[in-house]
Amino acid sequence: MQKDDSTWLRTGYSVFALLVAFVFWKMFIQIGLKAGWLERYEAGTRVGSVVLAIACGVGIAWWLASDKGRHEYFLASVGELRKIQWPDWEQTKKLTLIVCVVVAVFSVILTVFDIGWARLLKLLLV
């Protein structure tokens, strides 16, 4: 493993903690709206929901990082991602064009089959 793999993993844990905190904050706000807490305890509810959401995000990220086996698995995943040879811009444009053409061809084929089956069933049922 490279030394900065651990740094990337800590960054991933931090981003995950922020994302979880945001989701929990939105959930607490919605619960506060439904239960009527926001109208009754305006300042305390907002501050409390932010503090509780941050605590939940940090707690879940800490729990995720605390297992050594899981931590080693994530470190190995980061190491494997370093081995990937990403396509350059020309390859990306070429492959995107191929995907768009294949999707267009299959959508035409599916449309023809759909119209054909609809007309066949209409003839059989009428």
C-alpha atoms as a PDB file:
ATOM      1  CA  MET A   1       0.000   0.000   0.000  1.00  0.00           C
ATOM      2  CA  GLN A   2       1.106   3.526  -0.632  1.00  0.00           C
ATOM      3  CA  LYS A   3       1.207   5.871   2.293  1.00  0.00           C
ATOM      4  CA  ASP A   4      -1.424   8.187   0.830  1.00  0.00           C
ATOM      5  CA  ASP A   5      -3.943   5.344   0.437  1.00  0.00           C
ATOM      6  CA  SER A   6      -4.710   5.762   4.109  1.00  0.00           C
ATOM      7  CA  THR A   7      -5.167   9.503   3.557  1.00  0.00           C
ATOM      8  CA  TRP A   8      -7.660   8.852   0.758  1.00  0.00           C
ATOM      9  CA  LEU A   9      -9.491   6.404   2.987  1.00  0.00           C
ATOM     10  CA  ARG A  10      -9.716   8.951   5.829  1.00  0.00           C
ATOM     11  CA  THR A  11     -11.018  11.484   3.311  1.00  0.00           C
ATOM     12  CA  GLY A  12     -13.632   8.955   2.211  1.00  0.00           C
ATOM     13  CA  TYR A  13     -14.672   8.388   5.826  1.00  0.00           C
ATOM     14  CA  SER A  14     -14.973  12.156   6.317  1.00  0.00           C
ATOM     15  CA  VAL A  15     -17.101  12.609   3.207  1.00  0.00           C
ATOM     16  CA  PHE A  16     -19.246   9.666   4.289  1.00  0.00           C
ATOM     17  CA  ALA A  17     -19.676  11.223   7.752  1.00  0.00           C
ATOM     18  CA  LEU A  18     -20.760  14.532   6.191  1.00  0.00           C
ATOM     19  CA  LEU A  19     -23.215  12.776   3.884  1.00  0.00           C
ATOM     20  CA  VAL A  20     -24.719  10.756   6.743  1.00  0.00           C
ATOM     21  CA  ALA A  21     -24.912  13.891   8.906  1.00  0.00           C
ATOM     22  CA  PHE A  22     -26.749  15.744   6.130  1.00  0.00           C
ATOM     23  CA  VAL A  23     -29.246  12.904   5.661  1.00  0.00           C
ATOM     24  CA  PHE A  24     -29.857  12.671   9.405  1.00  0.00           C
ATOM     25  CA  TRP A  25     -30.243  16.471   9.646  1.00  0.00           C
ATOM     26  CA  LYS A  26     -32.876  16.461   6.890  1.00  0.00           C
ATOM     27  CA  MET A  27     -34.611  13.544   8.602  1.00  0.00           C
ATOM     28  CA  PHE A  28     -34.633  15.331  11.984  1.00  0.00           C
ATOM     29  CA  ILE A  29     -36.022  18.500  10.377  1.00  0.00           C
ATOM     30  CA  GLN A  30     -38.817  16.515   8.710  1.00  0.00           C
ATOM     31  CA  ILE A  31     -39.633  14.750  11.967  1.00  0.00           C
ATOM     32  CA  GLY A  32     -39.637  18.138  13.707  1.00  0.00           C
ATOM     33  CA  LEU A  33     -42.059  19.524  11.143  1.00  0.00           C
ATOM     34  CA  LYS A  34     -44.387  16.538  11.391  1.00  0.00           C
ATOM     35  CA  ALA A  35     -44.298  16.425  15.206  1.00  0.00           C
ATOM     36  CA  GLY A  36     -44.613  20.210  15.598  1.00  0.00           C
ATOM     37  CA  TRP A  37     -41.293  20.653  17.419  1.00  0.00           C
ATOM     38  CA  LEU A  38     -40.083  23.370  15.060  1.00  0.00           C
ATOM     39  CA  GLU A  39     -42.993  25.673  15.866  1.00  0.00           C
ATOM     40  CA  ARG A  40     -42.765  25.131  19.631  1.00  0.00           C
ATOM     41  CA  TYR A  41     -38.994  25.084  20.117  1.00  0.00           C
ATOM     42  CA  GLU A  42     -37.671  27.039  17.147  1.00  0.00           C
ATOM     43  CA  ALA A  43     -34.037  27.752  18.125  1.00  0.00           C
ATOM     44  CA  GLY A  44     -33.398  24.660  20.214  1.00  0.00           C
ATOM     45  CA  THR A  45     -34.744  22.251  17.641  1.00  0.00           C
ATOM     46  CA  ARG A  46     -32.586  23.525  14.806  1.00  0.00           C
ATOM     47  CA  VAL A  47     -29.400  23.610  16.854  1.00  0.00           C
ATOM     48  CA  GLY A  48     -30.180  20.267  18.461  1.00  0.00           C
ATOM     49  CA  SER A  49     -30.902  18.639  15.118  1.00  0.00           C
ATOM     50  CA  VAL A  50     -27.580  19.855  13.697  1.00  0.00           C
ATOM     51  CA  VAL A  51     -25.623  18.640  16.732  1.00  0.00           C
ATOM     52  CA  LEU A  52     -27.429  15.294  16.759  1.00  0.00           C
ATOM     53  CA  ALA A  53     -26.942  14.854  12.995  1.00  0.00           C
ATOM     54  CA  ILE A  54     -23.198  15.561  13.254  1.00  0.00           C
ATOM     55  CA  ALA A  55     -22.931  13.138  16.164  1.00  0.00           C
ATOM     56  CA  CYS A  56     -24.751  10.441  14.153  1.00  0.00           C
ATOM     57  CA  GLY A  57     -22.528  11.012  11.093  1.00  0.00           C
ATOM     58  CA  VAL A  58     -19.316  10.883  13.094  1.00  0.00           C
ATOM     59  CA  GLY A  59     -20.521   7.882  15.085  1.00  0.00           C
ATOM     60  CA  ILE A  60     -21.455   5.868  12.009  1.00  0.00           C
ATOM     61  CA  ALA A  61     -18.190   6.769  10.240  1.00  0.00           C
ATOM     62  CA  TRP A  62     -16.219   5.834  13.382  1.00  0.00           C
ATOM     63  CA  TRP A  63     -18.090   2.517  13.593  1.00  0.00           C
ATOM     64  CA  LEU A  64     -17.323   1.899   9.912  1.00  0.00           C
ATOM     65  CA  ALA A  65     -13.611   2.624  10.394  1.00  0.00           C
ATOM     66  CA  SER A  66     -13.229   0.789  13.712  1.00  0.00           C
ATOM     67  CA  ASP A  67     -13.262  -2.769  12.329  1.00  0.00           C
ATOM     68  CA  LYS A  68      -9.713  -3.720  11.266  1.00  0.00           C
ATOM     69  CA  GLY A  69     -10.857  -6.261   8.689  1.00  0.00           C
ATOM     70  CA  ARG A  70     -13.178  -3.749   7.019  1.00  0.00           C
ATOM     71  CA  HIS A  71     -10.446  -1.086   7.162  1.00  0.00           C
ATOM     72  CA  GLU A  72      -7.965  -3.402   5.438  1.00  0.00           C
ATOM     73  CA  TYR A  73     -10.583  -4.304   2.812  1.00  0.00           C
ATOM     74  CA  PHE A  74     -11.184  -0.612   2.053  1.00  0.00           C
ATOM     75  CA  LEU A  75      -7.419   0.015   1.894  1.00  0.00           C
ATOM     76  CA  ALA A  76      -7.050  -2.861  -0.557  1.00  0.00           C
ATOM     77  CA  SER A  77      -9.915  -1.420  -2.623  1.00  0.00           C
ATOM     78  CA  VAL A  78      -8.173   1.952  -2.817  1.00  0.00           C
ATOM     79  CA  GLY A  79      -4.983   0.152  -3.863  1.00  0.00           C
ATOM     80  CA  GLU A  80      -6.852  -1.722  -6.597  1.00  0.00           C
ATOM     81  CA  LEU A  81      -8.369   1.533  -7.858  1.00  0.00           C
ATOM     82  CA  ARG A  82      -4.833   2.845  -8.364  1.00  0.00           C
ATOM     83  CA  LYS A  83      -4.134  -0.019 -10.809  1.00  0.00           C
ATOM     84  CA  ILE A  84      -6.958   0.960 -13.158  1.00  0.00           C
ATOM     85  CA  GLN A  85      -5.910   2.445 -16.475  1.00  0.00           C
ATOM     86  CA  TRP A  86      -8.542   5.087 -17.165  1.00  0.00           C
ATOM     87  CA  PRO A  87      -9.354   5.882 -20.830  1.00  0.00           C
ATOM     88  CA  ASP A  88      -8.151   9.114 -22.351  1.00  0.00           C
ATOM     89  CA  TRP A  89     -10.493  11.712 -23.847  1.00  0.00           C
ATOM     90  CA  GLU A  90     -10.447  10.261 -27.384  1.00  0.00           C
ATOM     91  CA  GLN A  91     -11.269   6.741 -26.166  1.00  0.00           C
ATOM     92  CA  THR A  92     -14.050   8.155 -23.984  1.00  0.00           C
ATOM     93  CA  LYS A  93     -15.642   9.988 -26.934  1.00  0.00           C
ATOM     94  CA  LYS A  94     -15.375   6.902 -29.153  1.00  0.00           C
ATOM     95  CA  LEU A  95     -16.860   4.530 -26.567  1.00  0.00           C
ATOM     96  CA  THR A  96     -19.653   6.997 -25.731  1.00  0.00           C
ATOM     97  CA  LEU A  97     -20.580   7.207 -29.412  1.00  0.00           C
ATOM     98  CA  ILE A  98     -20.639   3.403 -29.650  1.00  0.00           C
ATOM     99  CA  VAL A  99     -22.936   3.168 -26.608  1.00  0.00           C
ATOM    100  CA  CYS A 100     -25.290   5.819 -28.025  1.00  0.00           C
ATOM    101  CA  VAL A 101     -25.508   4.022 -31.397  1.00  0.00           C
ATOM    102  CA  VAL A 102     -26.188   0.645 -29.747  1.00  0.00           C
ATOM    103  CA  VAL A 103     -28.888   2.178 -27.525  1.00  0.00           C
ATOM    104  CA  ALA A 104     -30.507   3.840 -30.548  1.00  0.00           C
ATOM    105  CA  VAL A 105     -30.487   0.593 -32.559  1.00  0.00           C
ATOM    106  CA  PHE A 106     -31.989  -1.419 -29.702  1.00  0.00           C
ATOM    107  CA  SER A 107     -34.644   1.210 -29.036  1.00  0.00           C
ATOM    108  CA  VAL A 108     -35.697   1.059 -32.709  1.00  0.00           C
ATOM    109  CA  ILE A 109     -35.816  -2.744 -32.557  1.00  0.00           C
ATOM    110  CA  LEU A 110     -37.888  -2.676 -29.352  1.00  0.00           C
ATOM    111  CA  THR A 111     -40.236  -0.067 -30.804  1.00  0.00           C
ATOM    112  CA  VAL A 112     -40.818  -2.195 -33.920  1.00  0.00           C
ATOM    113  CA  PHE A 113     -41.485  -5.295 -31.787  1.00  0.00           C
ATOM    114  CA  ASP A 114     -43.798  -3.345 -29.467  1.00  0.00           C
ATOM    115  CA  ILE A 115     -45.855  -1.917 -32.326  1.00  0.00           C
ATOM    116  CA  GLY A 116     -45.925  -5.325 -34.062  1.00  0.00           C
ATOM    117  CA  TRP A 117     -47.100  -7.187 -30.950  1.00  0.00           C
ATOM    118  CA  ALA A 118     -49.690  -4.501 -30.199  1.00  0.00           C
ATOM    119  CA  ARG A 119     -51.173  -4.760 -33.696  1.00  0.00           C
ATOM    120  CA  LEU A 120     -51.078  -8.575 -33.604  1.00  0.00           C
ATOM    121  CA  LEU A 121     -52.868  -8.680 -30.257  1.00  0.00           C
ATOM    122  CA  LYS A 122     -55.377  -6.103 -31.474  1.00  0.00           C
ATOM    123  CA  LEU A 123     -56.182  -8.311 -34.473  1.00  0.00           C
ATOM    124  CA  LEU A 124     -56.495 -11.435 -32.315  1.00  0.00           C
ATOM    125  CA  LEU A 125     -58.675  -9.803 -29.662  1.00  0.00           C
ATOM    126  CA  VAL A 126     -61.022  -7.924 -32.007  1.00  0.00           C
END
